[in-house]
Structure formats: C-alpha cells, structure tokens
Amino acid sequence: MSIFVGNLSYEVTEQDINTVFAEYGTVKQVKLPTDRETGKMRGFAFVEMGNEDEEAKAIEELEGAEWMGRSLTINKARPRENRSGDGRR
C-alpha cells in the first residue's frame, strides 16, 4: 500500500519528500506524477514506506501539516480505477 500526499508545492522534489517521510521510517519509493503535456508536477505524490505501521504514523503526523506554505492532505492511496478511454464502463 502507499500514501497519497496532496496539496504539494509545485517546487517540491522527490528528495524533499523523501527527507520528510524518512523521519517516520524507511521510504521505499516516491512517485511525483507530472502532466503529460507540460511536464510540470501535478501537485501530489505517492510514497511507499517500509511497512504499514510506518505509513500509519506518517499519515497521522503529517495530515494537515503546513509544509512549504501549504497544508498537506495525506491518506492511504486508493487503487487506481480502470479507465477504458472510450467513456463506457
């Protein structure tokens, strides 16, 4: 499972996120999605921690925290929905 981190500053880097989350345990992976057309960061990230206890602690401590001038939104990431691309379900 991974953590969704929303309302990020567009100036944040993978290293910035890694540094913050490392205070709560082992950071396995950080993903910073970018816009396909512009290549700019989309304002959110996904963080995978070493185990669920570390994830729970990071979520509890960082939800609503002020960082880089923004109030963070942090929760467990939901599985990605299947999108067929043709508008049908």
N, C-alpha and C. Protein backbone atom coordinates (compact mmCIF):
# COMPACT_ATOMS: atom_id res chain seq x y z
N MET A 1 0.85 -1.18 0.00
CA MET A 1 0.00 0.00 0.00
C MET A 1 0.89 1.24 0.00
N SER A 2 0.35 2.33 -0.48
CA SER A 2 1.14 3.56 -0.47
C SER A 2 0.30 4.71 0.08
N ILE A 3 0.96 5.82 0.26
CA ILE A 3 0.35 7.02 0.83
C ILE A 3 0.16 8.04 -0.28
N PHE A 4 -1.02 8.65 -0.31
CA PHE A 4 -1.29 9.77 -1.21
C PHE A 4 -0.93 11.05 -0.46
N VAL A 5 -0.15 11.91 -1.08
CA VAL A 5 0.24 13.20 -0.49
C VAL A 5 -0.25 14.29 -1.44
N GLY A 6 -1.23 15.06 -1.00
CA GLY A 6 -1.81 16.08 -1.86
C GLY A 6 -1.54 17.49 -1.38
N ASN A 7 -1.85 18.44 -2.24
CA ASN A 7 -1.68 19.87 -2.00
C ASN A 7 -0.20 20.24 -1.82
N LEU A 8 0.65 19.60 -2.61
CA LEU A 8 2.08 19.88 -2.55
C LEU A 8 2.42 21.15 -3.32
N SER A 9 3.46 21.80 -2.88
CA SER A 9 4.03 22.91 -3.62
C SER A 9 4.56 22.37 -4.95
N TYR A 10 4.43 23.15 -6.01
CA TYR A 10 4.92 22.72 -7.32
C TYR A 10 6.45 22.76 -7.38
N GLU A 11 7.08 23.29 -6.34
CA GLU A 11 8.55 23.36 -6.28
C GLU A 11 9.16 22.14 -5.58
N VAL A 12 8.35 21.26 -5.00
CA VAL A 12 8.86 20.14 -4.22
C VAL A 12 9.56 19.12 -5.12
N THR A 13 10.57 18.45 -4.56
CA THR A 13 11.30 17.41 -5.29
C THR A 13 11.13 16.07 -4.59
N GLU A 14 11.51 15.00 -5.29
CA GLU A 14 11.47 13.67 -4.67
C GLU A 14 12.33 13.65 -3.42
N GLN A 15 13.47 14.31 -3.47
CA GLN A 15 14.38 14.33 -2.31
C GLN A 15 13.72 15.04 -1.12
N ASP A 16 13.00 16.14 -1.36
CA ASP A 16 12.29 16.84 -0.28
C ASP A 16 11.32 15.89 0.42
N ILE A 17 10.52 15.19 -0.38
CA ILE A 17 9.52 14.28 0.18
C ILE A 17 10.20 13.13 0.91
N ASN A 18 11.24 12.59 0.32
CA ASN A 18 11.99 11.51 0.94
C ASN A 18 12.51 11.93 2.32
N THR A 19 13.04 13.12 2.40
CA THR A 19 13.59 13.62 3.67
C THR A 19 12.52 13.71 4.74
N VAL A 20 11.36 14.25 4.39
CA VAL A 20 10.27 14.41 5.37
C VAL A 20 9.75 13.05 5.84
N PHE A 21 9.48 12.15 4.90
CA PHE A 21 8.90 10.86 5.26
C PHE A 21 9.90 9.93 5.93
N ALA A 22 11.20 10.12 5.71
CA ALA A 22 12.22 9.29 6.34
C ALA A 22 12.21 9.43 7.86
N GLU A 23 11.65 10.53 8.36
CA GLU A 23 11.53 10.71 9.81
C GLU A 23 10.58 9.70 10.43
N TYR A 24 9.74 9.04 9.60
CA TYR A 24 8.74 8.10 10.11
C TYR A 24 9.05 6.66 9.74
N GLY A 25 10.17 6.43 9.07
CA GLY A 25 10.55 5.07 8.71
C GLY A 25 11.27 5.01 7.38
N THR A 26 11.33 3.82 6.83
CA THR A 26 12.02 3.57 5.57
C THR A 26 11.13 3.98 4.39
N VAL A 27 11.66 4.83 3.54
CA VAL A 27 10.95 5.23 2.33
C VAL A 27 11.43 4.33 1.21
N LYS A 28 10.52 3.50 0.68
CA LYS A 28 10.87 2.60 -0.40
C LYS A 28 10.85 3.30 -1.75
N GLN A 29 9.83 4.16 -1.94
CA GLN A 29 9.68 4.79 -3.25
C GLN A 29 8.84 6.07 -3.13
N VAL A 30 9.20 7.06 -3.95
CA VAL A 30 8.43 8.30 -4.07
C VAL A 30 8.10 8.49 -5.55
N LYS A 31 6.83 8.72 -5.85
CA LYS A 31 6.41 8.98 -7.23
C LYS A 31 5.78 10.36 -7.28
N LEU A 32 6.32 11.22 -8.15
CA LEU A 32 5.80 12.57 -8.36
C LEU A 32 5.24 12.63 -9.79
N PRO A 33 3.95 12.40 -9.95
CA PRO A 33 3.37 12.45 -11.31
C PRO A 33 3.50 13.84 -11.93
N THR A 34 3.73 13.83 -13.24
CA THR A 34 3.82 15.09 -13.98
C THR A 34 2.77 15.10 -15.08
N ASP A 35 2.40 16.29 -15.50
CA ASP A 35 1.44 16.47 -16.58
C ASP A 35 2.06 16.00 -17.88
N ARG A 36 1.33 15.22 -18.66
CA ARG A 36 1.86 14.67 -19.91
C ARG A 36 2.22 15.76 -20.91
N GLU A 37 1.42 16.80 -20.96
CA GLU A 37 1.62 17.83 -21.97
C GLU A 37 2.68 18.87 -21.58
N THR A 38 2.65 19.29 -20.31
CA THR A 38 3.56 20.35 -19.89
C THR A 38 4.82 19.84 -19.21
N GLY A 39 4.76 18.62 -18.66
CA GLY A 39 5.90 18.08 -17.93
C GLY A 39 6.02 18.63 -16.52
N LYS A 40 5.08 19.51 -16.13
CA LYS A 40 5.13 20.10 -14.79
C LYS A 40 4.49 19.16 -13.78
N MET A 41 4.95 19.28 -12.53
CA MET A 41 4.41 18.48 -11.45
C MET A 41 2.93 18.79 -11.26
N ARG A 42 2.16 17.78 -10.86
CA ARG A 42 0.71 17.93 -10.74
C ARG A 42 0.26 18.29 -9.33
N GLY A 43 1.16 18.42 -8.37
CA GLY A 43 0.78 18.88 -7.03
C GLY A 43 0.45 17.76 -6.06
N PHE A 44 0.77 16.53 -6.43
CA PHE A 44 0.57 15.43 -5.50
C PHE A 44 1.65 14.38 -5.73
N ALA A 45 1.75 13.44 -4.77
CA ALA A 45 2.76 12.39 -4.86
C ALA A 45 2.23 11.13 -4.20
N PHE A 46 2.94 10.04 -4.44
CA PHE A 46 2.67 8.77 -3.77
C PHE A 46 3.96 8.33 -3.10
N VAL A 47 3.85 7.92 -1.84
CA VAL A 47 5.02 7.49 -1.07
C VAL A 47 4.77 6.07 -0.57
N GLU A 48 5.73 5.20 -0.81
CA GLU A 48 5.65 3.84 -0.30
C GLU A 48 6.66 3.70 0.84
N MET A 49 6.16 3.30 1.99
CA MET A 49 7.00 3.15 3.18
C MET A 49 7.36 1.67 3.39
N GLY A 50 8.23 1.42 4.37
CA GLY A 50 8.71 0.07 4.65
C GLY A 50 7.64 -0.88 5.13
N ASN A 51 6.69 -0.39 5.94
CA ASN A 51 5.60 -1.24 6.42
C ASN A 51 4.38 -0.39 6.78
N GLU A 52 3.29 -1.05 7.10
CA GLU A 52 2.03 -0.33 7.37
C GLU A 52 2.09 0.52 8.64
N ASP A 53 2.85 0.09 9.64
CA ASP A 53 2.97 0.89 10.86
C ASP A 53 3.64 2.23 10.57
N GLU A 54 4.68 2.19 9.74
CA GLU A 54 5.36 3.43 9.36
C GLU A 54 4.42 4.33 8.55
N GLU A 55 3.65 3.72 7.65
CA GLU A 55 2.69 4.51 6.87
C GLU A 55 1.66 5.16 7.77
N ALA A 56 1.12 4.39 8.71
CA ALA A 56 0.10 4.91 9.62
C ALA A 56 0.65 6.07 10.45
N LYS A 57 1.87 5.94 10.93
CA LYS A 57 2.49 7.00 11.73
C LYS A 57 2.68 8.27 10.89
N ALA A 58 3.17 8.11 9.66
CA ALA A 58 3.38 9.27 8.78
C ALA A 58 2.05 9.96 8.47
N ILE A 59 1.02 9.18 8.17
CA ILE A 59 -0.31 9.75 7.88
C ILE A 59 -0.82 10.54 9.08
N GLU A 60 -0.74 9.92 10.26
CA GLU A 60 -1.23 10.56 11.48
C GLU A 60 -0.50 11.88 11.78
N GLU A 61 0.81 11.86 11.63
CA GLU A 61 1.62 13.02 11.98
C GLU A 61 1.57 14.14 10.95
N LEU A 62 1.45 13.78 9.67
CA LEU A 62 1.59 14.78 8.62
C LEU A 62 0.27 15.30 8.05
N GLU A 63 -0.84 14.61 8.27
CA GLU A 63 -2.14 15.08 7.76
C GLU A 63 -2.43 16.48 8.29
N GLY A 64 -2.63 17.42 7.37
CA GLY A 64 -2.94 18.80 7.74
C GLY A 64 -1.74 19.65 8.11
N ALA A 65 -0.55 19.04 8.13
CA ALA A 65 0.66 19.79 8.49
C ALA A 65 0.97 20.85 7.44
N GLU A 66 1.51 21.96 7.89
CA GLU A 66 1.93 23.03 6.98
C GLU A 66 3.35 22.73 6.51
N TRP A 67 3.54 22.69 5.19
CA TRP A 67 4.86 22.41 4.62
C TRP A 67 5.01 23.18 3.32
N MET A 68 6.07 23.93 3.22
CA MET A 68 6.37 24.76 2.04
C MET A 68 5.19 25.67 1.69
N GLY A 69 4.56 26.21 2.74
CA GLY A 69 3.47 27.17 2.55
C GLY A 69 2.12 26.56 2.23
N ARG A 70 1.99 25.25 2.35
CA ARG A 70 0.72 24.58 2.04
C ARG A 70 0.34 23.61 3.15
N SER A 71 -0.96 23.41 3.32
CA SER A 71 -1.49 22.44 4.27
C SER A 71 -1.64 21.10 3.56
N LEU A 72 -0.88 20.10 3.99
CA LEU A 72 -0.85 18.81 3.31
C LEU A 72 -2.12 18.00 3.51
N THR A 73 -2.49 17.27 2.48
CA THR A 73 -3.57 16.28 2.55
C THR A 73 -2.90 14.93 2.40
N ILE A 74 -3.04 14.09 3.44
CA ILE A 74 -2.33 12.81 3.41
C ILE A 74 -3.28 11.70 3.85
N ASN A 75 -3.34 10.64 3.04
CA ASN A 75 -4.15 9.47 3.40
C ASN A 75 -3.66 8.27 2.61
N LYS A 76 -4.23 7.10 2.94
CA LYS A 76 -3.86 5.89 2.19
C LYS A 76 -4.32 6.05 0.76
N ALA A 77 -3.45 5.68 -0.16
CA ALA A 77 -3.79 5.78 -1.58
C ALA A 77 -4.84 4.72 -1.92
N ARG A 78 -5.80 5.12 -2.74
CA ARG A 78 -6.81 4.18 -3.22
C ARG A 78 -6.30 3.54 -4.50
N PRO A 79 -6.73 2.30 -4.77
CA PRO A 79 -6.32 1.66 -6.03
C PRO A 79 -6.81 2.49 -7.23
N ARG A 80 -6.02 2.50 -8.26
CA ARG A 80 -6.36 3.26 -9.47
C ARG A 80 -7.56 2.62 -10.16
N GLU A 81 -8.50 3.46 -10.58
CA GLU A 81 -9.68 2.96 -11.28
C GLU A 81 -9.29 2.61 -12.71
N ASN A 82 -9.92 1.57 -13.24
CA ASN A 82 -9.71 1.22 -14.65
C ASN A 82 -10.42 2.24 -15.52
N ARG A 83 -9.72 2.75 -16.49
CA ARG A 83 -10.31 3.68 -17.44
C ARG A 83 -10.10 3.12 -18.84
N SER A 84 -11.22 2.89 -19.54
CA SER A 84 -11.10 2.32 -20.87
C SER A 84 -10.75 3.37 -21.90
N GLY A 85 -11.04 4.64 -21.61
CA GLY A 85 -10.71 5.71 -22.52
C GLY A 85 -11.79 6.02 -23.54
N ASP A 86 -12.83 5.17 -23.60
CA ASP A 86 -13.89 5.42 -24.58
C ASP A 86 -15.17 5.92 -23.93
N GLY A 87 -15.14 6.17 -22.63
CA GLY A 87 -16.31 6.73 -21.94
C GLY A 87 -17.30 5.69 -21.47
N ARG A 88 -17.11 4.42 -21.85
CA ARG A 88 -18.01 3.36 -21.39
C ARG A 88 -17.45 2.71 -20.14
N ARG A 89 -18.35 2.11 -19.38
CA ARG A 89 -17.94 1.41 -18.16
C ARG A 89 -18.06 -0.07 -18.30
